[in-house]
């Protein structure tokens, strides 16, 4: 027979753990990630609202830093719903659009890794919170 203390602890701990796991699952959807990035941008720019049109324009822009990688489209293709191909390595890149690749924006560590790497190579600097939020707003709704 279990002690009353154990039962009280289990009665408190189980719902707490369950709600924590639920929050983790919700926070890892592409839409939740896009919202998280929008909130960060709003902290830096009062009144910021993500704009999918700005996100698309950023994707299609020739940033002029690299002749091989002038813009995101160089490796990811004109249609983010299709696979791309890295212009240097030749590796196939999974589609960017969430409609074609629901796993794309579900891990913040991976999102930040690729933003950091790609922004430096293509844009020539780290992307701003607003640029990231706009970019995700566009790709989450593709």
N, C-alpha and C. Protein backbone atom coordinates (compact mmCIF):
# COMPACT_ATOMS: atom_id res chain seq x y z
N UNK A 1 0.85 -1.18 0.00
CA UNK A 1 0.00 0.00 0.00
C UNK A 1 0.89 1.24 0.00
N UNK A 2 0.53 2.19 -0.81
CA UNK A 2 1.33 3.40 -0.95
C UNK A 2 0.97 4.40 0.16
N UNK A 3 1.98 5.15 0.57
CA UNK A 3 1.78 6.12 1.64
C UNK A 3 0.94 7.30 1.14
N UNK A 4 0.28 8.01 2.07
CA UNK A 4 -0.51 9.19 1.69
C UNK A 4 0.36 10.28 1.08
N UNK A 5 1.59 10.40 1.53
CA UNK A 5 2.49 11.41 0.96
C UNK A 5 2.77 11.09 -0.50
N UNK A 6 3.01 9.82 -0.80
CA UNK A 6 3.27 9.41 -2.17
C UNK A 6 2.05 9.73 -3.06
N UNK A 7 0.85 9.43 -2.55
CA UNK A 7 -0.37 9.70 -3.32
C UNK A 7 -0.54 11.20 -3.58
N UNK A 8 -0.26 12.02 -2.58
CA UNK A 8 -0.38 13.47 -2.75
C UNK A 8 0.65 13.97 -3.77
N UNK A 9 1.86 13.46 -3.66
CA UNK A 9 2.90 13.86 -4.60
C UNK A 9 2.54 13.44 -6.01
N UNK A 10 2.08 12.21 -6.16
CA UNK A 10 1.69 11.71 -7.48
C UNK A 10 0.50 12.50 -8.02
N UNK A 11 -0.45 12.85 -7.16
CA UNK A 11 -1.62 13.61 -7.60
C UNK A 11 -1.22 15.00 -8.08
N UNK A 12 -0.18 15.57 -7.51
CA UNK A 12 0.29 16.89 -7.94
C UNK A 12 1.23 16.78 -9.14
N UNK A 13 2.14 15.81 -9.10
CA UNK A 13 3.19 15.69 -10.10
C UNK A 13 2.65 15.27 -11.46
N UNK A 14 1.77 14.29 -11.50
CA UNK A 14 1.29 13.77 -12.77
C UNK A 14 0.62 14.86 -13.62
N UNK A 15 -0.33 15.62 -13.12
CA UNK A 15 -0.93 16.68 -13.95
C UNK A 15 0.08 17.75 -14.36
N UNK A 16 1.02 18.06 -13.46
CA UNK A 16 2.03 19.06 -13.78
C UNK A 16 2.90 18.60 -14.94
N UNK A 17 3.38 17.37 -14.87
CA UNK A 17 4.19 16.83 -15.97
C UNK A 17 3.40 16.73 -17.25
N UNK A 18 2.15 16.28 -17.15
CA UNK A 18 1.31 16.15 -18.33
C UNK A 18 1.10 17.49 -19.01
N UNK A 19 0.83 18.54 -18.23
CA UNK A 19 0.63 19.85 -18.84
C UNK A 19 1.93 20.38 -19.44
N UNK A 20 3.06 20.06 -18.83
CA UNK A 20 4.35 20.49 -19.39
C UNK A 20 4.58 19.85 -20.74
N UNK A 21 4.30 18.55 -20.85
CA UNK A 21 4.48 17.88 -22.14
C UNK A 21 3.51 18.43 -23.17
N UNK A 22 2.31 18.75 -22.76
CA UNK A 22 1.33 19.32 -23.68
C UNK A 22 1.81 20.66 -24.22
N UNK A 23 2.37 21.49 -23.34
CA UNK A 23 2.86 22.79 -23.77
C UNK A 23 4.02 22.64 -24.75
N UNK A 24 4.88 21.65 -24.51
CA UNK A 24 6.00 21.43 -25.43
C UNK A 24 5.49 21.04 -26.80
N UNK A 25 4.51 20.18 -26.86
CA UNK A 25 3.99 19.73 -28.14
C UNK A 25 3.34 20.89 -28.90
N UNK A 26 2.61 21.73 -28.20
CA UNK A 26 1.96 22.86 -28.84
C UNK A 26 3.00 23.86 -29.34
N UNK A 27 4.02 24.10 -28.56
CA UNK A 27 5.04 25.10 -28.92
C UNK A 27 5.87 24.68 -30.11
N UNK A 28 5.81 23.42 -30.49
CA UNK A 28 6.65 22.94 -31.58
C UNK A 28 5.93 22.86 -32.92
N UNK A 29 4.76 23.44 -33.03
CA UNK A 29 4.12 23.49 -34.34
C UNK A 29 4.71 24.66 -35.12
N UNK A 30 4.73 24.59 -36.44
CA UNK A 30 5.24 25.72 -37.22
C UNK A 30 4.52 27.03 -36.91
N UNK A 31 3.20 26.98 -36.74
CA UNK A 31 2.44 28.20 -36.44
C UNK A 31 2.84 28.78 -35.08
N UNK A 32 3.06 27.90 -34.10
CA UNK A 32 3.49 28.38 -32.78
C UNK A 32 4.88 28.98 -32.85
N UNK A 33 5.75 28.38 -33.65
CA UNK A 33 7.10 28.94 -33.82
C UNK A 33 7.03 30.31 -34.48
N UNK A 34 6.19 30.43 -35.50
CA UNK A 34 6.04 31.72 -36.18
C UNK A 34 5.54 32.77 -35.19
N UNK A 35 4.62 32.39 -34.34
CA UNK A 35 4.10 33.32 -33.33
C UNK A 35 5.19 33.71 -32.34
N UNK A 36 6.01 32.76 -31.95
CA UNK A 36 7.11 33.04 -31.02
C UNK A 36 8.08 34.07 -31.63
N UNK A 37 8.40 33.90 -32.91
CA UNK A 37 9.29 34.84 -33.58
C UNK A 37 8.61 36.21 -33.73
N UNK A 38 7.32 36.23 -33.96
CA UNK A 38 6.59 37.50 -34.06
C UNK A 38 6.62 38.24 -32.72
N UNK A 39 6.49 37.51 -31.63
CA UNK A 39 6.55 38.13 -30.31
C UNK A 39 7.93 38.73 -30.05
N UNK A 40 8.97 38.04 -30.45
CA UNK A 40 10.33 38.57 -30.28
C UNK A 40 10.52 39.86 -31.08
N UNK A 41 10.03 39.84 -32.31
CA UNK A 41 10.15 41.04 -33.15
C UNK A 41 9.37 42.20 -32.53
N UNK A 42 8.20 41.92 -31.96
CA UNK A 42 7.38 42.97 -31.34
C UNK A 42 8.08 43.56 -30.11
N UNK A 43 8.90 42.76 -29.44
CA UNK A 43 9.66 43.28 -28.30
C UNK A 43 10.73 44.26 -28.77
N UNK A 44 11.26 44.05 -29.98
CA UNK A 44 12.29 44.93 -30.52
C UNK A 44 11.69 46.13 -31.25
N UNK A 45 10.53 45.94 -31.86
CA UNK A 45 9.86 47.00 -32.62
C UNK A 45 8.42 47.10 -32.14
N UNK A 46 8.11 48.08 -31.35
CA UNK A 46 6.75 48.25 -30.85
C UNK A 46 5.76 48.29 -32.01
N UNK A 47 4.69 47.54 -31.87
CA UNK A 47 3.65 47.53 -32.88
C UNK A 47 3.93 46.63 -34.08
N UNK A 48 5.01 45.87 -34.03
CA UNK A 48 5.36 44.98 -35.14
C UNK A 48 4.28 43.93 -35.35
N UNK A 49 3.93 43.73 -36.60
CA UNK A 49 3.04 42.65 -37.01
C UNK A 49 3.71 41.94 -38.18
N UNK A 50 3.84 40.62 -38.12
CA UNK A 50 4.49 39.93 -39.22
C UNK A 50 3.69 40.09 -40.52
N UNK A 51 4.40 40.20 -41.60
CA UNK A 51 3.79 40.40 -42.91
C UNK A 51 4.32 39.35 -43.88
N UNK A 52 3.47 38.39 -44.28
CA UNK A 52 3.91 37.37 -45.21
C UNK A 52 4.45 37.94 -46.53
N UNK A 53 3.92 39.06 -46.98
CA UNK A 53 4.40 39.68 -48.23
C UNK A 53 5.85 40.14 -48.07
N UNK A 54 6.19 40.69 -46.91
CA UNK A 54 7.59 41.07 -46.67
C UNK A 54 8.47 39.83 -46.60
N UNK A 55 7.95 38.75 -46.02
CA UNK A 55 8.69 37.50 -45.95
C UNK A 55 8.98 36.95 -47.33
N UNK A 56 8.00 37.00 -48.21
CA UNK A 56 8.21 36.54 -49.59
C UNK A 56 9.21 37.43 -50.32
N UNK A 57 9.08 38.74 -50.14
CA UNK A 57 10.00 39.67 -50.79
C UNK A 57 11.44 39.42 -50.32
N UNK A 58 11.61 39.15 -49.04
CA UNK A 58 12.94 38.84 -48.50
C UNK A 58 13.50 37.57 -49.16
N UNK A 59 12.66 36.56 -49.30
CA UNK A 59 13.05 35.28 -49.91
C UNK A 59 13.50 35.48 -51.35
N UNK A 60 12.79 36.32 -52.07
CA UNK A 60 13.05 36.50 -53.50
C UNK A 60 14.08 37.59 -53.81
N UNK A 61 14.46 38.35 -52.80
CA UNK A 61 15.39 39.47 -53.00
C UNK A 61 16.81 38.99 -53.34
N UNK A 62 17.46 39.72 -54.25
CA UNK A 62 18.87 39.50 -54.52
C UNK A 62 19.62 40.39 -53.52
N UNK A 63 20.23 39.76 -52.53
CA UNK A 63 20.89 40.50 -51.46
C UNK A 63 22.27 41.01 -51.87
N UNK A 64 22.81 40.47 -52.94
CA UNK A 64 24.05 41.00 -53.50
C UNK A 64 25.33 40.67 -52.75
N UNK A 65 25.29 39.75 -51.81
CA UNK A 65 26.48 39.41 -51.04
C UNK A 65 27.32 38.35 -51.76
N UNK A 66 26.65 37.40 -52.39
CA UNK A 66 27.35 36.29 -53.03
C UNK A 66 26.79 36.06 -54.43
N UNK A 67 27.67 35.92 -55.39
CA UNK A 67 27.23 35.64 -56.76
C UNK A 67 26.59 34.25 -56.85
N UNK A 68 27.14 33.30 -56.08
CA UNK A 68 26.60 31.94 -56.08
C UNK A 68 25.26 31.84 -55.35
N UNK A 69 25.11 32.60 -54.29
CA UNK A 69 23.91 32.56 -53.46
C UNK A 69 23.35 33.97 -53.29
N UNK A 70 22.78 34.54 -54.34
CA UNK A 70 22.29 35.91 -54.25
C UNK A 70 21.05 36.07 -53.38
N UNK A 71 20.27 35.01 -53.24
CA UNK A 71 19.06 35.05 -52.44
C UNK A 71 18.68 33.65 -52.00
N UNK A 72 17.71 33.56 -51.13
CA UNK A 72 17.25 32.27 -50.62
C UNK A 72 16.85 31.34 -51.76
N UNK A 73 16.23 31.92 -52.77
CA UNK A 73 15.73 31.17 -53.91
C UNK A 73 16.84 30.42 -54.66
N UNK A 74 18.10 30.87 -54.55
CA UNK A 74 19.20 30.25 -55.29
C UNK A 74 19.32 28.77 -54.94
N UNK A 75 19.16 28.44 -53.68
CA UNK A 75 19.25 27.04 -53.25
C UNK A 75 17.87 26.41 -53.03
N UNK A 76 16.94 27.21 -52.54
CA UNK A 76 15.63 26.67 -52.18
C UNK A 76 14.64 26.67 -53.34
N UNK A 77 14.99 27.32 -54.44
CA UNK A 77 14.13 27.33 -55.62
C UNK A 77 13.11 28.44 -55.62
N UNK A 78 12.53 28.68 -56.78
CA UNK A 78 11.53 29.73 -56.93
C UNK A 78 10.25 29.40 -56.16
N UNK A 79 9.93 28.11 -56.06
CA UNK A 79 8.73 27.66 -55.36
C UNK A 79 9.14 26.94 -54.09
N UNK A 80 8.90 27.54 -52.92
CA UNK A 80 9.33 26.92 -51.67
C UNK A 80 8.57 25.64 -51.32
N UNK A 81 7.56 25.31 -52.12
CA UNK A 81 6.83 24.05 -51.92
C UNK A 81 7.53 22.88 -52.58
N UNK A 82 8.58 23.18 -53.36
CA UNK A 82 9.36 22.15 -54.06
C UNK A 82 10.72 21.99 -53.38
N UNK A 83 11.35 20.86 -53.62
CA UNK A 83 12.70 20.65 -53.12
C UNK A 83 13.66 21.58 -53.82
N UNK A 84 14.73 21.94 -53.14
CA UNK A 84 15.77 22.76 -53.73
C UNK A 84 17.06 21.97 -53.82
N UNK A 85 18.11 22.66 -54.25
CA UNK A 85 19.41 22.02 -54.38
C UNK A 85 20.47 23.05 -54.05
N UNK A 86 21.34 22.72 -53.10
CA UNK A 86 22.39 23.66 -52.69
C UNK A 86 23.32 23.91 -53.87
N UNK A 87 23.57 25.18 -54.16
CA UNK A 87 24.35 25.54 -55.35
C UNK A 87 25.82 25.16 -55.24
N UNK A 88 26.33 25.00 -54.05
CA UNK A 88 27.74 24.66 -53.88
C UNK A 88 27.92 23.15 -53.71
N UNK A 89 27.17 22.55 -52.78
CA UNK A 89 27.34 21.13 -52.47
C UNK A 89 26.54 20.20 -53.37
N UNK A 90 25.49 20.74 -53.98
CA UNK A 90 24.62 19.90 -54.81
C UNK A 90 23.64 19.04 -54.03
N UNK A 91 23.63 19.17 -52.70
CA UNK A 91 22.72 18.39 -51.87
C UNK A 91 21.28 18.85 -52.07
N UNK A 92 20.37 17.89 -52.08
CA UNK A 92 18.95 18.19 -52.17
C UNK A 92 18.49 18.79 -50.84
N UNK A 93 17.66 19.82 -50.93
CA UNK A 93 17.12 20.50 -49.76
C UNK A 93 15.61 20.28 -49.75
N UNK A 94 15.09 19.81 -48.63
CA UNK A 94 13.65 19.58 -48.50
C UNK A 94 12.89 20.89 -48.68
N UNK A 95 11.64 20.82 -49.13
CA UNK A 95 10.85 22.05 -49.31
C UNK A 95 10.80 22.91 -48.05
N UNK A 96 10.76 24.22 -48.26
CA UNK A 96 10.69 25.16 -47.15
C UNK A 96 9.26 25.36 -46.65
N UNK A 97 8.29 25.31 -47.56
CA UNK A 97 6.89 25.58 -47.21
C UNK A 97 6.35 24.49 -46.29
N UNK A 98 5.65 24.91 -45.27
CA UNK A 98 5.07 23.98 -44.30
C UNK A 98 4.06 23.05 -44.97
N UNK A 99 3.34 23.53 -45.96
CA UNK A 99 2.35 22.67 -46.64
C UNK A 99 3.01 21.47 -47.30
N UNK A 100 4.24 21.61 -47.74
CA UNK A 100 4.96 20.52 -48.39
C UNK A 100 5.88 19.78 -47.42
N UNK A 101 6.18 20.40 -46.31
CA UNK A 101 7.13 19.82 -45.35
C UNK A 101 6.71 20.23 -43.93
N UNK A 102 5.71 19.55 -43.35
CA UNK A 102 5.18 19.93 -42.04
C UNK A 102 6.20 19.89 -40.90
N UNK A 103 7.30 19.20 -41.10
CA UNK A 103 8.33 19.11 -40.06
C UNK A 103 9.30 20.29 -40.10
N UNK A 104 9.22 21.13 -41.12
CA UNK A 104 10.24 22.15 -41.38
C UNK A 104 10.50 23.09 -40.20
N UNK A 105 9.51 23.67 -39.61
CA UNK A 105 9.72 24.67 -38.56
C UNK A 105 9.15 24.21 -37.23
N UNK A 106 9.68 23.09 -36.73
CA UNK A 106 9.18 22.52 -35.48
C UNK A 106 10.24 22.48 -34.39
N UNK A 107 11.47 22.79 -34.71
CA UNK A 107 12.57 22.71 -33.74
C UNK A 107 13.32 24.03 -33.75
N UNK A 108 13.19 24.78 -32.67
CA UNK A 108 13.79 26.11 -32.61
C UNK A 108 15.31 26.08 -32.76
N UNK A 109 15.95 25.07 -32.23
CA UNK A 109 17.41 24.97 -32.35
C UNK A 109 17.81 24.87 -33.82
N UNK A 110 17.09 24.04 -34.57
CA UNK A 110 17.38 23.91 -36.00
C UNK A 110 17.04 25.19 -36.76
N UNK A 111 15.93 25.81 -36.41
CA UNK A 111 15.54 27.05 -37.07
C UNK A 111 16.64 28.09 -36.90
N UNK A 112 17.10 28.25 -35.68
CA UNK A 112 18.15 29.24 -35.41
C UNK A 112 19.46 28.88 -36.10
N UNK A 113 19.80 27.61 -36.12
CA UNK A 113 21.03 27.17 -36.80
C UNK A 113 21.01 27.59 -38.26
N UNK A 114 19.89 27.30 -38.93
CA UNK A 114 19.81 27.59 -40.36
C UNK A 114 19.65 29.08 -40.64
N UNK A 115 18.92 29.80 -39.81
CA UNK A 115 18.86 31.26 -39.98
C UNK A 115 20.26 31.86 -39.84
N UNK A 116 20.98 31.45 -38.80
CA UNK A 116 22.31 32.00 -38.56
C UNK A 116 23.22 31.73 -39.76
N UNK A 117 23.27 30.49 -40.21
CA UNK A 117 24.15 30.11 -41.31
C UNK A 117 23.73 30.78 -42.62
N UNK A 118 22.47 30.64 -42.97
CA UNK A 118 22.00 31.15 -44.26
C UNK A 118 21.98 32.67 -44.33
N UNK A 119 21.61 33.32 -43.25
CA UNK A 119 21.60 34.79 -43.26
C UNK A 119 23.01 35.33 -43.46
N UNK A 120 23.97 34.74 -42.80
CA UNK A 120 25.35 35.21 -42.96
C UNK A 120 25.84 34.99 -44.39
N UNK A 121 25.51 33.84 -44.98
CA UNK A 121 25.98 33.54 -46.33
C UNK A 121 25.24 34.33 -47.40
N UNK A 122 23.95 34.52 -47.23
CA UNK A 122 23.13 35.14 -48.28
C UNK A 122 22.94 36.64 -48.05
N UNK A 123 22.66 37.03 -46.82
CA UNK A 123 22.37 38.43 -46.51
C UNK A 123 23.64 39.17 -46.07
N UNK A 124 24.63 38.42 -45.59
CA UNK A 124 25.88 39.02 -45.17
C UNK A 124 25.88 39.46 -43.72
N UNK A 125 24.87 39.06 -42.97
CA UNK A 125 24.74 39.42 -41.56
C UNK A 125 23.68 38.52 -40.95
N UNK A 126 23.55 38.60 -39.64
CA UNK A 126 22.45 37.87 -38.99
C UNK A 126 21.14 38.55 -39.36
N UNK A 127 20.11 37.79 -39.54
CA UNK A 127 18.79 38.35 -39.84
C UNK A 127 18.19 38.94 -38.56
N UNK A 128 17.38 39.96 -38.73
CA UNK A 128 16.70 40.58 -37.59
C UNK A 128 15.52 39.70 -37.17
N UNK A 129 15.03 39.96 -35.98
CA UNK A 129 13.85 39.24 -35.49
C UNK A 129 12.66 39.50 -36.41
N UNK A 130 12.53 40.72 -36.92
CA UNK A 130 11.42 41.05 -37.82
C UNK A 130 11.54 40.29 -39.14
N UNK A 131 12.75 40.20 -39.69
CA UNK A 131 12.94 39.44 -40.93
C UNK A 131 12.59 37.98 -40.74
N UNK A 132 13.00 37.41 -39.62
CA UNK A 132 12.69 36.01 -39.33
C UNK A 132 11.18 35.82 -39.18
N UNK A 133 10.54 36.72 -38.46
CA UNK A 133 9.09 36.61 -38.24
C UNK A 133 8.32 36.72 -39.56
N UNK A 134 8.71 37.66 -40.42
CA UNK A 134 8.05 37.81 -41.72
C UNK A 134 8.26 36.58 -42.57
N UNK A 135 9.49 36.07 -42.59
CA UNK A 135 9.85 34.90 -43.38
C UNK A 135 9.02 33.69 -42.94
N UNK A 136 8.95 33.47 -41.63
CA UNK A 136 8.16 32.35 -41.13
C UNK A 136 6.67 32.54 -41.39
N UNK A 137 6.19 33.77 -41.27
CA UNK A 137 4.77 34.04 -41.52
C UNK A 137 4.42 33.65 -42.95
N UNK A 138 5.31 33.91 -43.88
CA UNK A 138 5.07 33.56 -45.28
C UNK A 138 5.11 32.04 -45.47
N UNK A 139 6.16 31.40 -44.99
CA UNK A 139 6.33 29.97 -45.24
C UNK A 139 5.35 29.09 -44.50
N UNK A 140 4.88 29.52 -43.36
CA UNK A 140 3.90 28.74 -42.61
C UNK A 140 2.55 28.71 -43.35
N UNK A 141 2.28 29.73 -44.16
CA UNK A 141 1.01 29.80 -44.86
C UNK A 141 1.10 29.41 -46.33
N UNK A 142 2.21 28.85 -46.74
CA UNK A 142 2.37 28.41 -48.14
C UNK A 142 1.69 27.07 -48.33
